[in-house]
Amino acid sequence: MYEDDQHVAFLDRYPTTPGKVLVAPNAHIEHAVRDLNEFAYLRLMSVVRKVALAVETVMKPERTYLLSLGRQQGNSHLHWHIAGLPVGTPYRQQQFHALMAENGVLSVTDEESAAMGERLRAALSEGWMADSE
């Protein structure tokens, strides 16, 4: 849904919330703090913020979760999860519960995913212009 010379953002293939997005640097980076200088960290976080604002515009969540998860044994590449919590989600199904694939993933068709990607791209484009004004 988004790419620049240093970052990429795409819909999660196995979403646990509608419109869940991952943001990652193109370069292989493993640690969010020690592997990025301040400028690179702030630039990455700027992309995370703008993508999260697009998720909020499209999904209208109760809360937006931002997390950097991963592990050395599996997916060691730095990435941020952006997950909007749907309004009305019962308390016991919020926070980590809402993000755990063990609690189920959403079934999304390729067509639904493509349409969501287009809606998020449009919102991101509008947000990019608003930030530059």
N, C-alpha and C. Protein backbone atom coordinates (compact mmCIF):
# COMPACT_ATOMS: atom_id res chain seq x y z
N MET A 1 0.81 -1.21 0.00
CA MET A 1 0.00 0.00 0.00
C MET A 1 0.84 1.26 0.00
N TYR A 2 2.14 1.13 0.40
CA TYR A 2 3.04 2.29 0.39
C TYR A 2 4.48 1.82 0.25
N GLU A 3 5.25 2.60 -0.48
CA GLU A 3 6.68 2.33 -0.56
C GLU A 3 7.39 3.62 -0.91
N ASP A 4 8.51 3.85 -0.24
CA ASP A 4 9.40 4.94 -0.63
C ASP A 4 10.79 4.33 -0.78
N ASP A 5 11.82 5.16 -0.86
CA ASP A 5 13.15 4.63 -1.11
C ASP A 5 13.72 3.83 0.06
N GLN A 6 13.12 3.94 1.26
CA GLN A 6 13.67 3.25 2.43
C GLN A 6 12.68 2.40 3.21
N HIS A 7 11.38 2.46 2.88
CA HIS A 7 10.36 1.78 3.68
C HIS A 7 9.30 1.14 2.80
N VAL A 8 8.61 0.18 3.37
CA VAL A 8 7.48 -0.43 2.69
C VAL A 8 6.37 -0.67 3.73
N ALA A 9 5.13 -0.54 3.28
CA ALA A 9 3.97 -0.82 4.14
C ALA A 9 3.01 -1.69 3.33
N PHE A 10 2.51 -2.75 3.96
CA PHE A 10 1.63 -3.67 3.25
C PHE A 10 0.64 -4.29 4.22
N LEU A 11 -0.47 -4.76 3.68
CA LEU A 11 -1.48 -5.42 4.49
C LEU A 11 -0.93 -6.75 5.00
N ASP A 12 -1.26 -7.05 6.23
CA ASP A 12 -0.88 -8.32 6.85
C ASP A 12 -1.59 -9.46 6.13
N ARG A 13 -0.84 -10.47 5.76
CA ARG A 13 -1.43 -11.63 5.07
C ARG A 13 -2.36 -12.42 5.97
N TYR A 14 -2.11 -12.39 7.28
CA TYR A 14 -2.92 -13.11 8.26
C TYR A 14 -3.41 -12.12 9.33
N PRO A 15 -4.32 -11.21 8.96
CA PRO A 15 -4.73 -10.17 9.90
C PRO A 15 -5.59 -10.70 11.05
N THR A 16 -5.37 -10.13 12.20
CA THR A 16 -6.22 -10.43 13.35
C THR A 16 -7.22 -9.32 13.60
N THR A 17 -7.01 -8.18 12.96
CA THR A 17 -7.97 -7.07 12.99
C THR A 17 -8.11 -6.57 11.55
N PRO A 18 -9.27 -6.01 11.20
CA PRO A 18 -9.47 -5.52 9.83
C PRO A 18 -8.47 -4.42 9.48
N GLY A 19 -7.88 -4.51 8.30
CA GLY A 19 -6.97 -3.48 7.84
C GLY A 19 -5.61 -3.46 8.53
N LYS A 20 -5.21 -4.58 9.14
CA LYS A 20 -3.92 -4.63 9.84
C LYS A 20 -2.78 -4.50 8.83
N VAL A 21 -1.82 -3.63 9.14
CA VAL A 21 -0.73 -3.29 8.23
C VAL A 21 0.60 -3.52 8.92
N LEU A 22 1.61 -3.87 8.12
CA LEU A 22 2.99 -3.96 8.58
C LEU A 22 3.80 -2.89 7.88
N VAL A 23 4.71 -2.26 8.62
CA VAL A 23 5.64 -1.27 8.05
C VAL A 23 7.05 -1.74 8.38
N ALA A 24 7.93 -1.72 7.38
CA ALA A 24 9.30 -2.19 7.60
C ALA A 24 10.27 -1.36 6.77
N PRO A 25 11.49 -1.25 7.25
CA PRO A 25 12.53 -0.64 6.41
C PRO A 25 12.91 -1.63 5.31
N ASN A 26 13.32 -1.11 4.16
CA ASN A 26 13.77 -1.99 3.08
C ASN A 26 15.07 -2.68 3.44
N ALA A 27 15.98 -1.97 4.08
CA ALA A 27 17.25 -2.54 4.49
C ALA A 27 17.02 -3.53 5.63
N HIS A 28 17.86 -4.57 5.67
CA HIS A 28 17.71 -5.53 6.75
C HIS A 28 18.22 -4.92 8.05
N ILE A 29 17.29 -4.69 8.96
CA ILE A 29 17.58 -4.12 10.28
C ILE A 29 16.88 -5.03 11.28
N GLU A 30 17.56 -5.34 12.37
CA GLU A 30 16.99 -6.27 13.34
C GLU A 30 16.50 -5.61 14.61
N HIS A 31 17.11 -4.53 15.02
CA HIS A 31 16.77 -3.92 16.32
C HIS A 31 16.28 -2.49 16.12
N ALA A 32 15.13 -2.19 16.69
CA ALA A 32 14.51 -0.89 16.50
C ALA A 32 15.32 0.25 17.10
N VAL A 33 16.04 -0.02 18.15
CA VAL A 33 16.75 1.05 18.86
C VAL A 33 18.22 1.11 18.46
N ARG A 34 18.94 0.03 18.63
CA ARG A 34 20.39 0.11 18.45
C ARG A 34 20.86 0.02 17.01
N ASP A 35 20.02 -0.44 16.07
CA ASP A 35 20.46 -0.56 14.68
C ASP A 35 20.09 0.64 13.82
N LEU A 36 19.41 1.63 14.39
CA LEU A 36 19.03 2.82 13.64
C LEU A 36 19.62 4.05 14.31
N ASN A 37 20.17 4.96 13.52
CA ASN A 37 20.54 6.24 14.11
C ASN A 37 19.26 7.05 14.33
N GLU A 38 19.37 8.15 15.00
CA GLU A 38 18.18 8.92 15.35
C GLU A 38 17.40 9.37 14.12
N PHE A 39 18.09 9.84 13.09
CA PHE A 39 17.39 10.29 11.89
C PHE A 39 16.62 9.15 11.24
N ALA A 40 17.25 7.97 11.08
CA ALA A 40 16.59 6.83 10.45
C ALA A 40 15.41 6.35 11.30
N TYR A 41 15.58 6.35 12.62
CA TYR A 41 14.50 5.95 13.52
C TYR A 41 13.31 6.90 13.38
N LEU A 42 13.58 8.19 13.40
CA LEU A 42 12.49 9.17 13.31
C LEU A 42 11.81 9.14 11.95
N ARG A 43 12.57 8.88 10.90
CA ARG A 43 11.97 8.77 9.57
C ARG A 43 11.06 7.54 9.50
N LEU A 44 11.52 6.41 10.03
CA LEU A 44 10.69 5.21 10.08
C LEU A 44 9.42 5.46 10.88
N MET A 45 9.56 6.10 12.03
CA MET A 45 8.39 6.37 12.87
C MET A 45 7.43 7.36 12.20
N SER A 46 7.96 8.24 11.37
CA SER A 46 7.10 9.14 10.62
C SER A 46 6.24 8.35 9.63
N VAL A 47 6.84 7.36 8.98
CA VAL A 47 6.07 6.51 8.07
C VAL A 47 5.04 5.70 8.86
N VAL A 48 5.44 5.14 9.99
CA VAL A 48 4.50 4.38 10.84
C VAL A 48 3.32 5.27 11.21
N ARG A 49 3.59 6.49 11.63
CA ARG A 49 2.51 7.41 12.02
C ARG A 49 1.57 7.70 10.86
N LYS A 50 2.11 7.99 9.72
CA LYS A 50 1.27 8.34 8.56
C LYS A 50 0.43 7.15 8.11
N VAL A 51 1.01 5.96 8.13
CA VAL A 51 0.25 4.77 7.78
C VAL A 51 -0.83 4.51 8.84
N ALA A 52 -0.49 4.71 10.10
CA ALA A 52 -1.48 4.52 11.18
C ALA A 52 -2.63 5.52 11.04
N LEU A 53 -2.32 6.74 10.65
CA LEU A 53 -3.40 7.72 10.43
C LEU A 53 -4.31 7.28 9.28
N ALA A 54 -3.73 6.68 8.24
CA ALA A 54 -4.56 6.17 7.15
C ALA A 54 -5.44 5.02 7.65
N VAL A 55 -4.88 4.13 8.47
CA VAL A 55 -5.68 3.04 9.05
C VAL A 55 -6.82 3.63 9.88
N GLU A 56 -6.53 4.65 10.67
CA GLU A 56 -7.59 5.27 11.48
C GLU A 56 -8.65 5.92 10.60
N THR A 57 -8.25 6.56 9.54
CA THR A 57 -9.21 7.21 8.63
C THR A 57 -10.15 6.19 8.01
N VAL A 58 -9.60 5.07 7.57
CA VAL A 58 -10.40 4.06 6.88
C VAL A 58 -11.18 3.18 7.84
N MET A 59 -10.54 2.73 8.91
CA MET A 59 -11.15 1.73 9.79
C MET A 59 -11.94 2.33 10.95
N LYS A 60 -11.67 3.57 11.32
CA LYS A 60 -12.36 4.22 12.44
C LYS A 60 -12.30 3.38 13.72
N PRO A 61 -11.09 2.95 14.12
CA PRO A 61 -10.98 2.06 15.29
C PRO A 61 -11.20 2.80 16.61
N GLU A 62 -11.47 2.00 17.63
CA GLU A 62 -11.56 2.52 18.99
C GLU A 62 -10.18 2.95 19.49
N ARG A 63 -9.18 2.18 19.11
CA ARG A 63 -7.79 2.44 19.49
C ARG A 63 -6.92 1.86 18.39
N THR A 64 -5.74 2.43 18.20
CA THR A 64 -4.80 1.89 17.21
C THR A 64 -3.56 1.39 17.95
N TYR A 65 -3.26 0.11 17.74
CA TYR A 65 -2.09 -0.50 18.37
C TYR A 65 -0.89 -0.39 17.43
N LEU A 66 0.25 0.00 17.98
CA LEU A 66 1.52 0.06 17.25
C LEU A 66 2.52 -0.79 18.02
N LEU A 67 3.05 -1.81 17.37
CA LEU A 67 4.02 -2.69 18.05
C LEU A 67 5.12 -3.10 17.10
N SER A 68 6.29 -3.27 17.64
CA SER A 68 7.38 -3.88 16.90
C SER A 68 7.63 -5.24 17.55
N LEU A 69 7.30 -6.28 16.80
CA LEU A 69 7.47 -7.64 17.29
C LEU A 69 8.40 -8.39 16.35
N GLY A 70 8.96 -9.46 16.81
CA GLY A 70 9.82 -10.30 16.01
C GLY A 70 10.69 -11.13 16.92
N ARG A 71 11.50 -11.97 16.31
CA ARG A 71 12.39 -12.81 17.11
C ARG A 71 13.58 -13.20 16.24
N GLN A 72 14.67 -13.49 16.86
CA GLN A 72 15.87 -13.88 16.13
C GLN A 72 15.69 -15.23 15.44
N GLN A 73 14.89 -16.11 16.01
CA GLN A 73 14.74 -17.46 15.47
C GLN A 73 13.83 -17.52 14.24
N GLY A 74 13.02 -16.51 14.03
CA GLY A 74 12.06 -16.55 12.92
C GLY A 74 12.16 -15.32 12.06
N ASN A 75 11.37 -14.34 12.36
CA ASN A 75 11.36 -13.11 11.58
C ASN A 75 12.17 -12.05 12.32
N SER A 76 13.45 -11.98 12.02
CA SER A 76 14.32 -11.04 12.72
C SER A 76 14.32 -9.66 12.08
N HIS A 77 13.69 -9.51 10.90
CA HIS A 77 13.65 -8.22 10.22
C HIS A 77 12.72 -7.26 10.98
N LEU A 78 13.21 -6.09 11.29
CA LEU A 78 12.42 -5.09 12.01
C LEU A 78 11.14 -4.76 11.24
N HIS A 79 10.03 -4.77 11.93
CA HIS A 79 8.76 -4.36 11.34
C HIS A 79 7.82 -3.89 12.45
N TRP A 80 6.93 -2.99 12.07
CA TRP A 80 5.92 -2.47 13.00
C TRP A 80 4.55 -2.99 12.57
N HIS A 81 3.77 -3.42 13.55
CA HIS A 81 2.39 -3.83 13.32
C HIS A 81 1.51 -2.62 13.63
N ILE A 82 0.58 -2.34 12.72
CA ILE A 82 -0.42 -1.29 12.94
C ILE A 82 -1.76 -1.98 12.88
N ALA A 83 -2.44 -2.02 14.02
CA ALA A 83 -3.71 -2.75 14.12
C ALA A 83 -4.75 -1.87 14.78
N GLY A 84 -5.82 -1.60 14.04
CA GLY A 84 -6.93 -0.84 14.60
C GLY A 84 -7.88 -1.78 15.33
N LEU A 85 -8.19 -1.44 16.56
CA LEU A 85 -9.14 -2.24 17.35
C LEU A 85 -10.55 -1.81 16.99
N PRO A 86 -11.36 -2.74 16.45
CA PRO A 86 -12.73 -2.37 16.08
C PRO A 86 -13.53 -1.87 17.30
N VAL A 87 -14.33 -0.86 17.06
CA VAL A 87 -15.21 -0.33 18.10
C VAL A 87 -16.12 -1.46 18.60
N GLY A 88 -16.30 -1.53 19.91
CA GLY A 88 -17.18 -2.53 20.49
C GLY A 88 -16.53 -3.86 20.79
N THR A 89 -15.22 -3.99 20.56
CA THR A 89 -14.54 -5.24 20.88
C THR A 89 -14.60 -5.45 22.38
N PRO A 90 -15.09 -6.61 22.84
CA PRO A 90 -15.17 -6.87 24.28
C PRO A 90 -13.79 -6.73 24.93
N TYR A 91 -13.77 -6.24 26.17
CA TYR A 91 -12.52 -5.96 26.87
C TYR A 91 -11.58 -7.16 26.87
N ARG A 92 -12.08 -8.34 27.12
CA ARG A 92 -11.23 -9.53 27.18
C ARG A 92 -10.62 -9.91 25.82
N GLN A 93 -11.10 -9.29 24.74
CA GLN A 93 -10.56 -9.57 23.41
C GLN A 93 -9.71 -8.41 22.88
N GLN A 94 -9.36 -7.49 23.76
CA GLN A 94 -8.55 -6.34 23.36
C GLN A 94 -7.07 -6.59 23.65
N GLN A 95 -6.27 -5.60 23.37
CA GLN A 95 -4.83 -5.57 23.60
C GLN A 95 -4.16 -6.78 22.96
N PHE A 96 -3.28 -7.50 23.67
CA PHE A 96 -2.54 -8.60 23.05
C PHE A 96 -3.47 -9.67 22.49
N HIS A 97 -4.59 -9.92 23.14
CA HIS A 97 -5.53 -10.93 22.65
C HIS A 97 -5.95 -10.63 21.22
N ALA A 98 -6.19 -9.36 20.91
CA ALA A 98 -6.64 -8.96 19.57
C ALA A 98 -5.56 -9.16 18.51
N LEU A 99 -4.32 -9.28 18.93
CA LEU A 99 -3.20 -9.37 18.00
C LEU A 99 -2.66 -10.78 17.81
N MET A 100 -3.10 -11.71 18.62
CA MET A 100 -2.54 -13.06 18.61
C MET A 100 -3.25 -13.94 17.59
N ALA A 101 -2.48 -14.44 16.62
CA ALA A 101 -3.05 -15.32 15.60
C ALA A 101 -3.63 -16.58 16.22
N GLU A 102 -3.11 -16.96 17.38
CA GLU A 102 -3.64 -18.14 18.06
C GLU A 102 -5.12 -17.99 18.40
N ASN A 103 -5.60 -16.76 18.46
CA ASN A 103 -7.00 -16.49 18.75
C ASN A 103 -7.83 -16.37 17.48
N GLY A 104 -7.19 -16.63 16.34
CA GLY A 104 -7.89 -16.61 15.06
C GLY A 104 -7.44 -15.46 14.18
N VAL A 105 -7.47 -15.72 12.89
CA VAL A 105 -7.18 -14.68 11.91
C VAL A 105 -8.42 -14.48 11.05
N LEU A 106 -8.52 -13.31 10.47
CA LEU A 106 -9.67 -13.00 9.63
C LEU A 106 -9.51 -13.66 8.27
N SER A 107 -10.61 -14.09 7.72
CA SER A 107 -10.63 -14.63 6.37
C SER A 107 -10.92 -13.48 5.41
N VAL A 108 -9.92 -13.12 4.61
CA VAL A 108 -10.05 -11.99 3.69
C VAL A 108 -9.73 -12.49 2.28
N THR A 109 -10.64 -12.23 1.34
CA THR A 109 -10.40 -12.64 -0.04
C THR A 109 -9.38 -11.70 -0.68
N ASP A 110 -8.81 -12.13 -1.80
CA ASP A 110 -7.89 -11.28 -2.54
C ASP A 110 -8.56 -9.98 -2.98
N GLU A 111 -9.82 -10.08 -3.37
CA GLU A 111 -10.57 -8.90 -3.81
C GLU A 111 -10.77 -7.93 -2.65
N GLU A 112 -11.14 -8.46 -1.49
CA GLU A 112 -11.33 -7.61 -0.30
C GLU A 112 -10.01 -6.96 0.10
N SER A 113 -8.94 -7.71 0.02
CA SER A 113 -7.62 -7.17 0.37
C SER A 113 -7.21 -6.07 -0.60
N ALA A 114 -7.44 -6.29 -1.88
CA ALA A 114 -7.11 -5.26 -2.89
C ALA A 114 -7.92 -3.99 -2.65
N ALA A 115 -9.21 -4.15 -2.36
CA ALA A 115 -10.06 -2.98 -2.10
C ALA A 115 -9.61 -2.24 -0.85
N MET A 116 -9.24 -2.98 0.20
CA MET A 116 -8.75 -2.36 1.42
C MET A 116 -7.45 -1.61 1.13
N GLY A 117 -6.55 -2.23 0.38
CA GLY A 117 -5.30 -1.58 0.02
C GLY A 117 -5.54 -0.27 -0.71
N GLU A 118 -6.50 -0.25 -1.62
CA GLU A 118 -6.82 0.98 -2.36
C GLU A 118 -7.37 2.05 -1.43
N ARG A 119 -8.25 1.67 -0.52
CA ARG A 119 -8.80 2.65 0.43
C ARG A 119 -7.70 3.22 1.32
N LEU A 120 -6.81 2.36 1.79
CA LEU A 120 -5.71 2.83 2.64
C LEU A 120 -4.73 3.70 1.86
N ARG A 121 -4.43 3.32 0.60
CA ARG A 121 -3.55 4.15 -0.24
C ARG A 121 -4.14 5.53 -0.44
N ALA A 122 -5.44 5.59 -0.70
CA ALA A 122 -6.10 6.87 -0.91
C ALA A 122 -6.02 7.72 0.36
N ALA A 123 -6.31 7.12 1.50
CA ALA A 123 -6.24 7.86 2.77
C ALA A 123 -4.82 8.30 3.07
N LEU A 124 -3.86 7.47 2.76
CA LEU A 124 -2.45 7.81 2.98
C LEU A 124 -2.04 8.96 2.08
N SER A 125 -2.47 8.94 0.85
CA SER A 125 -2.16 10.01 -0.08
C SER A 125 -2.75 11.33 0.39
N GLU A 126 -3.99 11.31 0.86
CA GLU A 126 -4.63 12.52 1.39
C GLU A 126 -3.90 13.01 2.63
N GLY A 127 -3.50 12.09 3.51
CA GLY A 127 -2.78 12.46 4.73
C GLY A 127 -1.40 13.03 4.44
N TRP A 128 -0.74 12.48 3.43
CA TRP A 128 0.59 12.97 3.02
C TRP A 128 0.47 14.42 2.59
N MET A 129 -0.57 14.73 1.81
CA MET A 129 -0.76 16.11 1.33
C MET A 129 -1.09 17.04 2.48
N ALA A 130 -1.92 16.59 3.41
CA ALA A 130 -2.30 17.43 4.55
C ALA A 130 -1.10 17.75 5.42
N ASP A 131 -0.19 16.76 5.61
CA ASP A 131 1.01 17.00 6.41
C ASP A 131 1.97 17.99 5.77
N SER A 132 1.95 18.08 4.44
CA SER A 132 2.90 18.97 3.76
C SER A 132 2.39 20.39 3.62
N GLU A 133 1.15 20.63 3.97
CA GLU A 133 0.57 21.99 3.85
C GLU A 133 1.02 22.88 4.98
